[in-house]
Amino acid sequence: MAKTVAVLTGGGHAAGLNAGIAGVIQRAKKKGWKIYGALDGWQGVVENKYVDLTDCDPMSIVNKGGSIIGSSRVRPEPQQVVDSMKKNRIDALVALGGEDTLGALWSVYREFKSPVVGWPKTMDNDLSETYFTIGYPTAVTVASCAVAKSFDTACTHGRVVIAVLFGRHTDWVAAGAGAFGSADFVVPAEKSCSLDDICGKIEEIFSEREKTFGKGFAVIVVAEGASISGLESHVRQQEKELDQYGHVKLDPNLLASYLSSAIKQSTKKIFGKPIGTAPIVFTYELRNGHPVWVDMEFGYKLGIKCVDMIEEGEIGKVAVIQKEGEELKIGSSSLEKAVKVRKMEGTGFFDYDSLKPTQAFIDYGKPFLGKPKERQINMVDRTHLIS
């Protein structure tokens, strides 16, 4: 029997969303089903704003960035979702999103056993039950390339590059950018650090490179959610009110500025003059643009899987990526389990004493991130000057 399926994208956008929508459209059309798109995430569901995607060419959007149907951080009541599905004669709902979006979806299923399935999107990589989340490979690829290139700035000008990037509660993105961009160390979000420890590490690196190259420099990655004792808070004071999912706004630019000033003050005491800094902040650059092949391919396959799950009665579940031996496959898992936040602490992927990702993390990322970028030190040997 023909069905009408609605699809939505919720929360912050990430590369691969349109690939997921394309997969849903392609599979549903093959089955002779109708496909609706809820405009701007759960907001479209609550306000009964849908567009017909049945005639959309899925191959025209599969490699596009953003979301063609828009997104929002609106949090619906389960009853509102059920009422909207009934009013618009929607037989099943597919939600593409992260912890918050899929958490709302789980509430709908838990309370009403409605025919809903999930698709795992978040550049933070913090959903459980899936080997990685869609959006994460693109975010780390963009961030790690930029971090590796920033050694040009560091060694040319003898500075500390401070690369601050998204990562409110978990260290997956920061660790990925640090490991695959060959940064000197990473300031995490999951465990607090002291300003003294950070500055001490920078001073050691500078002194060592002064001896080796005749000039000091360093590149560090800092998670947006880093808690650094001795450093002023970067929570936006004018935006301390929580959003509908209970999140406060952080200001990564403030974090970069505060840490930059602190490093200058600390190093001046040691070296007699402050070490120069080069703060760089990566935010929407990690979300924007076309997806890397991994996000596009697996995003599309996960969209196909969602439609198959609906047909097979696998509701209240989420399509996931699984690793069997050396192969990545598509499967399904419990939506309830998937929305539990997966942190890096306890995985063995990050050494919180040395502030460095481990070899185990690099091995974890190789199937979808490849090899770490080589650190390029483009400078002459200054240790032997012409007398």
Protein backbone atom coordinates (compact mmCIF):
# COMPACT_ATOMS: atom_id res chain seq x y z
CA MET A 1 0.00 0.00 0.00
CA ALA A 2 1.30 3.47 -0.92
CA LYS A 3 2.41 5.60 1.99
CA THR A 4 3.08 9.26 2.64
CA VAL A 5 6.37 9.85 4.42
CA ALA A 6 7.54 13.16 5.86
CA VAL A 7 11.20 14.07 6.36
CA LEU A 8 12.70 16.83 8.49
CA THR A 9 16.15 18.14 9.41
CA GLY A 10 16.63 19.55 12.90
CA GLY A 11 19.31 21.40 14.84
CA GLY A 12 22.52 22.82 13.42
CA HIS A 13 23.15 21.92 9.80
CA ALA A 14 25.96 19.58 8.82
CA ALA A 15 27.33 18.33 5.53
CA GLY A 16 25.42 15.30 4.26
CA LEU A 17 21.88 16.32 5.20
CA ASN A 18 20.79 16.70 1.58
CA ALA A 19 22.37 13.34 0.77
CA GLY A 20 20.12 11.83 3.45
CA ILE A 21 17.05 13.59 2.05
CA ALA A 22 18.02 12.36 -1.43
CA GLY A 23 18.22 8.77 -0.17
CA VAL A 24 14.76 9.03 1.39
CA ILE A 25 13.29 10.51 -1.80
CA GLN A 26 14.94 7.97 -4.09
CA ARG A 27 13.81 4.93 -2.10
CA ALA A 28 10.32 6.22 -1.40
CA LYS A 29 9.73 7.09 -5.08
CA LYS A 30 10.83 3.60 -6.09
CA LYS A 31 8.12 2.21 -3.82
CA GLY A 32 5.51 4.57 -5.24
CA TRP A 33 5.24 6.58 -2.00
CA LYS A 34 4.73 10.30 -1.50
CA ILE A 35 7.42 12.33 0.29
CA TYR A 36 6.76 15.54 2.19
CA GLY A 37 9.40 17.85 3.61
CA ALA A 38 8.67 19.60 6.92
CA LEU A 39 9.97 23.15 6.61
CA ASP A 40 12.56 24.23 9.19
CA GLY A 41 12.64 21.08 11.25
CA TRP A 42 10.18 20.48 14.04
CA GLN A 43 8.85 24.01 13.49
CA GLY A 44 7.31 22.88 10.22
CA VAL A 45 5.68 19.92 11.93
CA VAL A 46 4.24 22.04 14.73
CA GLU A 47 2.99 24.70 12.28
CA ASN A 48 1.84 22.17 9.63
CA LYS A 49 4.15 23.57 6.96
CA TYR A 50 5.12 20.89 4.46
CA VAL A 51 6.25 20.83 0.84
CA ASP A 52 5.84 17.95 -1.60
CA LEU A 53 9.25 16.48 -2.48
CA THR A 54 7.94 13.57 -4.53
CA ASP A 55 8.98 15.14 -7.86
CA CYS A 56 12.33 16.42 -6.55
CA ASP A 57 15.33 14.97 -8.42
CA PRO A 58 17.39 13.38 -5.61
CA MET A 59 20.62 13.39 -7.66
CA SER A 60 20.40 17.17 -8.00
CA ILE A 61 20.79 17.65 -4.23
CA VAL A 62 22.88 14.67 -3.08
CA ASN A 63 26.17 16.63 -3.03
CA LYS A 64 24.79 19.97 -1.87
CA GLY A 65 25.51 21.60 1.50
CA GLY A 66 22.98 22.77 4.07
CA SER A 67 19.41 21.48 4.01
CA ILE A 68 16.96 22.23 1.19
CA ILE A 69 14.06 22.12 3.65
CA GLY A 70 15.69 24.23 6.36
CA SER A 71 16.23 23.59 10.06
CA SER A 72 15.52 25.02 13.50
CA ARG A 73 16.05 24.25 17.17
CA VAL A 74 12.33 24.13 17.97
CA ARG A 75 11.41 21.41 20.44
CA PRO A 76 7.91 19.97 19.90
CA GLU A 77 5.55 18.32 22.31
CA PRO A 78 4.90 14.69 21.29
CA GLN A 79 1.17 15.39 20.98
CA GLN A 80 1.86 18.19 18.49
CA VAL A 81 3.79 15.77 16.28
CA VAL A 82 1.05 13.13 16.39
CA ASP A 83 -1.63 15.72 15.64
CA SER A 84 0.33 17.11 12.69
CA MET A 85 0.91 13.66 11.20
CA LYS A 86 -2.81 12.89 11.50
CA LYS A 87 -3.93 16.23 10.07
CA ASN A 88 -1.62 15.93 7.03
CA ARG A 89 -2.24 12.20 6.56
CA ILE A 90 1.39 11.33 7.10
CA ASP A 91 1.97 7.62 7.60
CA ALA A 92 5.57 7.82 8.86
CA LEU A 93 8.16 10.42 9.81
CA VAL A 94 11.93 10.45 9.24
CA ALA A 95 13.97 12.87 11.36
CA LEU A 96 17.54 13.73 10.41
CA GLY A 97 19.32 15.12 13.45
CA GLY A 98 21.46 14.78 16.51
CA GLU A 99 20.87 14.24 20.21
CA ASP A 100 18.19 16.94 20.55
CA THR A 101 16.23 16.24 17.37
CA LEU A 102 16.34 12.47 17.80
CA GLY A 103 15.61 12.88 21.50
CA ALA A 104 12.35 14.63 20.58
CA LEU A 105 11.66 11.84 18.07
CA TRP A 106 12.21 9.21 20.76
CA SER A 107 9.70 11.00 23.00
CA VAL A 108 7.10 10.74 20.24
CA TYR A 109 7.68 7.02 19.85
CA ARG A 110 7.90 6.31 23.58
CA GLU A 111 4.61 8.04 24.29
CA PHE A 112 2.55 7.14 21.22
CA LYS A 113 4.42 4.34 19.41
CA SER A 114 4.11 6.43 16.27
CA PRO A 115 5.81 5.22 13.05
CA VAL A 116 9.02 7.25 13.25
CA VAL A 117 12.65 6.50 12.39
CA GLY A 118 15.87 8.46 12.84
CA TRP A 119 18.96 9.32 10.79
CA PRO A 120 22.19 10.21 12.71
CA LYS A 121 23.39 13.73 11.95
CA THR A 122 25.83 15.72 14.04
CA MET A 123 29.26 17.11 13.28
CA ASP A 124 30.01 16.52 16.98
CA ASN A 125 30.03 12.72 16.50
CA ASP A 126 28.45 12.27 19.92
CA LEU A 127 25.56 9.89 19.21
CA SER A 128 25.81 6.34 20.46
CA GLU A 129 25.17 3.15 18.47
CA THR A 130 26.77 4.42 15.22
CA TYR A 131 30.45 4.16 14.23
CA PHE A 132 30.41 7.81 13.25
CA THR A 133 27.73 10.41 12.57
CA ILE A 134 27.03 12.15 9.27
CA GLY A 135 28.70 15.56 9.18
CA TYR A 136 31.65 14.55 11.33
CA PRO A 137 33.98 13.41 8.51
CA THR A 138 33.47 16.69 6.61
CA ALA A 139 33.94 18.82 9.73
CA VAL A 140 37.19 17.07 10.69
CA THR A 141 38.49 17.09 7.12
CA VAL A 142 37.96 20.85 6.84
CA ALA A 143 39.34 21.55 10.32
CA SER A 144 42.38 19.28 10.04
CA CYS A 145 43.37 20.74 6.66
CA ALA A 146 43.20 24.26 8.11
CA VAL A 147 45.15 23.25 11.23
CA ALA A 148 47.90 21.60 9.18
CA LYS A 149 48.18 24.67 6.93
CA SER A 150 48.39 26.98 9.95
CA PHE A 151 51.96 25.81 10.57
CA ASP A 152 52.83 28.22 7.75
CA THR A 153 51.69 31.09 9.95
CA ALA A 154 53.27 29.66 13.09
CA CYS A 155 56.77 29.03 11.78
CA THR A 156 56.94 32.07 9.47
CA HIS A 157 56.10 34.52 12.24
CA GLY A 158 57.19 32.59 15.33
CA ARG A 159 53.73 32.50 16.85
CA VAL A 160 51.28 30.28 18.66
CA VAL A 161 48.34 29.52 16.42
CA ILE A 162 45.23 29.08 18.59
CA ALA A 163 42.63 27.20 16.54
CA VAL A 164 39.29 27.32 18.38
CA LEU A 165 36.49 25.20 16.94
CA PHE A 166 33.05 23.78 17.65
CA GLY A 167 32.77 21.22 20.43
CA ARG A 168 30.54 22.20 23.34
CA HIS A 169 30.49 19.04 25.47
CA THR A 170 32.63 16.46 23.68
CA ASP A 171 36.12 16.26 22.20
CA TRP A 172 35.51 14.38 18.96
CA VAL A 173 35.93 17.36 16.61
CA ALA A 174 38.84 18.92 18.50
CA ALA A 175 40.64 15.59 18.75
CA GLY A 176 40.03 14.93 15.06
CA ALA A 177 41.35 18.33 14.03
CA GLY A 178 44.36 17.93 16.31
CA ALA A 179 45.22 14.35 15.36
CA PHE A 180 44.61 14.58 11.62
CA GLY A 181 45.96 18.14 11.40
CA SER A 182 49.12 17.24 13.38
CA ALA A 183 48.65 20.00 15.99
CA ASP A 184 51.04 20.16 18.96
CA PHE A 185 48.29 19.51 21.49
CA VAL A 186 44.56 19.87 22.09
CA VAL A 187 42.74 21.73 24.86
CA PRO A 188 39.65 19.55 25.48
CA ALA A 189 36.08 20.23 26.55
CA GLU A 190 35.36 17.07 28.52
CA LYS A 191 37.93 17.72 31.25
CA SER A 192 39.05 21.04 32.66
CA CYS A 193 42.62 22.28 32.17
CA SER A 194 44.61 24.92 33.97
CA LEU A 195 45.96 27.98 32.21
CA ASP A 196 49.35 27.30 33.81
CA ASP A 197 49.52 23.84 32.22
CA ILE A 198 48.63 25.19 28.79
CA CYS A 199 51.18 27.99 28.96
CA GLY A 200 53.79 25.60 30.37
CA LYS A 201 53.37 23.28 27.38
CA ILE A 202 53.69 26.18 24.96
CA GLU A 203 56.86 27.38 26.66
CA GLU A 204 58.38 23.88 26.42
CA ILE A 205 57.53 23.59 22.73
CA PHE A 206 58.96 27.03 21.97
CA SER A 207 62.19 26.33 23.85
CA GLU A 208 62.65 22.97 22.12
CA ARG A 209 62.09 24.46 18.68
CA GLU A 210 64.42 27.33 19.40
CA LYS A 211 67.13 24.71 19.85
CA THR A 212 66.08 22.61 16.84
CA PHE A 213 65.14 25.27 14.29
CA GLY A 214 66.46 28.50 15.77
CA LYS A 215 62.89 29.79 16.11
CA GLY A 216 59.95 28.86 18.30
CA PHE A 217 56.39 28.24 17.13
CA ALA A 218 53.37 26.12 18.01
CA VAL A 219 49.88 25.17 16.82
CA ILE A 220 47.22 24.22 19.34
CA VAL A 221 43.58 23.23 18.92
CA VAL A 222 41.01 24.36 21.51
CA ALA A 223 37.49 22.98 21.89
CA GLU A 224 34.80 25.66 22.09
CA GLY A 225 33.53 24.16 25.33
CA ALA A 226 36.93 24.14 27.03
CA SER A 227 36.89 24.92 30.74
CA ILE A 228 40.22 26.54 31.59
CA SER A 229 40.85 27.41 35.22
CA GLY A 230 42.45 30.81 35.52
CA LEU A 231 40.76 32.10 32.37
CA GLU A 232 37.68 34.31 32.16
CA SER A 233 34.44 32.60 31.08
CA HIS A 234 33.40 32.87 27.43
CA VAL A 235 29.69 32.30 28.00
CA ARG A 236 27.83 35.14 26.31
CA GLN A 237 26.59 37.24 29.21
CA GLN A 238 23.69 38.74 27.27
CA GLU A 239 22.51 35.27 26.19
CA LYS A 240 22.55 33.30 29.43
CA GLU A 241 18.96 32.25 28.87
CA LEU A 242 18.76 28.66 27.72
CA ASP A 243 17.35 27.59 24.37
CA GLN A 244 14.52 25.05 24.13
CA TYR A 245 17.00 22.20 24.60
CA GLY A 246 18.75 23.78 27.60
CA HIS A 247 21.92 25.08 25.89
CA VAL A 248 23.69 28.33 26.67
CA LYS A 249 25.56 30.27 23.98
CA LEU A 250 29.35 30.12 24.03
CA ASP A 251 31.49 32.69 22.25
CA PRO A 252 34.50 31.01 20.62
CA ASN A 253 35.87 34.40 19.56
CA LEU A 254 35.99 35.49 23.19
CA LEU A 255 37.72 32.26 24.15
CA ALA A 256 40.36 32.81 21.46
CA SER A 257 40.86 36.41 22.60
CA TYR A 258 41.11 35.61 26.32
CA LEU A 259 43.49 32.71 25.77
CA SER A 260 45.63 34.77 23.40
CA SER A 261 46.05 37.54 25.99
CA ALA A 262 46.83 35.05 28.75
CA ILE A 263 49.53 33.32 26.70
CA LYS A 264 51.18 36.65 25.94
CA GLN A 265 51.20 37.64 29.60
CA SER A 266 52.56 34.27 30.75
CA THR A 267 55.32 33.98 28.15
CA LYS A 268 56.49 37.53 28.78
CA LYS A 269 57.45 36.48 32.31
CA ILE A 270 59.49 33.54 30.97
CA PHE A 271 61.12 34.96 27.83
CA GLY A 272 61.23 38.64 28.68
CA LYS A 273 58.88 39.47 25.83
CA PRO A 274 55.49 38.01 24.92
CA ILE A 275 55.17 35.28 22.33
CA GLY A 276 52.98 36.41 19.47
CA THR A 277 49.70 34.60 18.87
CA ALA A 278 47.49 33.98 15.84
CA PRO A 279 43.93 33.16 16.96
CA ILE A 280 41.76 31.40 14.37
CA VAL A 281 38.11 30.50 15.00
CA PHE A 282 36.31 27.82 13.01
CA THR A 283 32.54 27.69 13.35
CA TYR A 284 30.20 27.41 10.38
CA GLU A 285 33.12 26.61 8.06
CA LEU A 286 32.89 23.10 9.53
CA ARG A 287 29.20 22.83 8.67
CA ASN A 288 29.05 24.54 5.29
CA GLY A 289 29.76 23.35 1.76
CA HIS A 290 29.43 20.06 -0.05
CA PRO A 291 30.08 16.90 1.95
CA VAL A 292 33.19 14.77 1.60
CA TRP A 293 32.54 11.46 -0.14
CA VAL A 294 32.02 9.58 3.14
CA ASP A 295 29.22 11.86 4.31
CA MET A 296 27.62 11.89 0.88
CA GLU A 297 27.76 8.13 0.32
CA PHE A 298 26.76 7.02 3.79
CA GLY A 299 24.27 9.85 4.23
CA TYR A 300 22.50 8.67 1.08
CA LYS A 301 22.59 5.01 2.11
CA LEU A 302 21.22 5.86 5.56
CA GLY A 303 18.31 7.71 3.91
CA ILE A 304 17.54 4.59 1.87
CA LYS A 305 17.74 2.50 5.02
CA CYS A 306 15.21 4.73 6.80
CA VAL A 307 12.59 4.06 4.14
CA ASP A 308 13.30 0.33 4.24
CA MET A 309 12.93 0.38 8.03
CA ILE A 310 9.49 1.98 7.69
CA GLU A 311 8.37 -0.67 5.23
CA GLU A 312 9.70 -3.47 7.42
CA GLY A 313 8.09 -2.10 10.58
CA GLU A 314 11.38 -1.16 12.27
CA ILE A 315 9.90 1.94 13.86
CA GLY A 316 11.29 3.67 16.93
CA LYS A 317 14.78 2.95 15.62
CA VAL A 318 17.62 4.81 13.94
CA ALA A 319 19.66 3.91 10.87
CA VAL A 320 23.34 3.60 11.82
CA ILE A 321 26.82 2.90 10.46
CA GLN A 322 28.45 -0.26 11.74
CA LYS A 323 32.01 -1.56 11.38
CA GLU A 324 32.49 -5.25 10.76
CA GLY A 325 36.16 -6.14 10.40
CA GLU A 326 37.52 -3.57 7.96
CA GLU A 327 34.15 -2.89 6.34
CA LEU A 328 31.64 -0.15 7.09
CA LYS A 329 28.00 -1.22 6.75
CA ILE A 330 24.51 0.20 7.22
CA GLY A 331 22.29 -1.19 9.97
CA SER A 332 19.71 -0.12 12.52
CA SER A 333 19.65 0.26 16.27
CA SER A 334 17.60 1.46 19.21
CA LEU A 335 16.63 5.11 19.06
CA GLU A 336 16.57 5.19 22.86
CA LYS A 337 20.20 4.05 23.05
CA ALA A 338 21.38 6.21 20.15
CA VAL A 339 20.39 9.51 21.79
CA LYS A 340 22.68 8.90 24.74
CA VAL A 341 25.66 11.22 24.38
CA ARG A 342 28.89 9.42 23.54
CA LYS A 343 31.90 11.15 25.03
CA MET A 344 35.54 10.57 24.20
CA GLU A 345 36.58 10.08 27.82
CA GLY A 346 36.80 6.38 28.58
CA THR A 347 37.38 5.35 24.96
CA GLY A 348 41.17 5.41 25.17
CA PHE A 349 41.16 7.81 22.22
CA PHE A 350 42.56 10.81 24.11
CA ASP A 351 45.29 11.20 26.71
CA TYR A 352 44.05 13.90 29.07
CA ASP A 353 47.44 14.17 30.75
CA SER A 354 49.48 14.89 27.63
CA LEU A 355 46.50 16.62 25.94
CA LYS A 356 46.99 14.55 22.81
CA PRO A 357 44.83 12.11 20.81
CA THR A 358 46.14 8.56 20.93
CA GLN A 359 47.13 6.14 18.18
CA ALA A 360 43.92 4.26 18.94
CA PHE A 361 41.93 7.32 17.86
CA ILE A 362 43.87 7.62 14.61
CA ASP A 363 43.16 3.93 13.95
CA TYR A 364 39.46 4.56 14.68
CA GLY A 365 39.33 7.43 12.18
CA LYS A 366 41.32 5.84 9.34
CA PRO A 367 38.33 4.09 7.66
CA PHE A 368 36.62 7.42 7.00
CA LEU A 369 39.30 10.09 7.53
CA GLY A 370 42.36 8.49 5.99
CA LYS A 371 45.84 9.35 7.26
CA PRO A 372 46.86 12.40 9.34
CA LYS A 373 48.22 15.34 7.38
CA GLU A 374 51.98 15.71 7.51
CA ARG A 375 53.22 18.71 9.44
CA GLN A 376 55.02 21.07 7.02
CA ILE A 377 57.82 23.12 8.55
CA ASN A 378 58.88 25.46 5.77
CA MET A 379 61.87 27.34 7.16
CA VAL A 380 65.65 27.38 6.85
CA ASP A 381 67.96 26.12 9.58
CA ARG A 382 68.71 29.13 11.79
CA THR A 383 70.98 27.30 14.18
CA HIS A 384 74.07 27.90 12.05
CA LEU A 385 74.40 31.56 11.18
CA ILE A 386 77.13 33.01 8.99
CA SER A 387 79.65 34.67 11.29
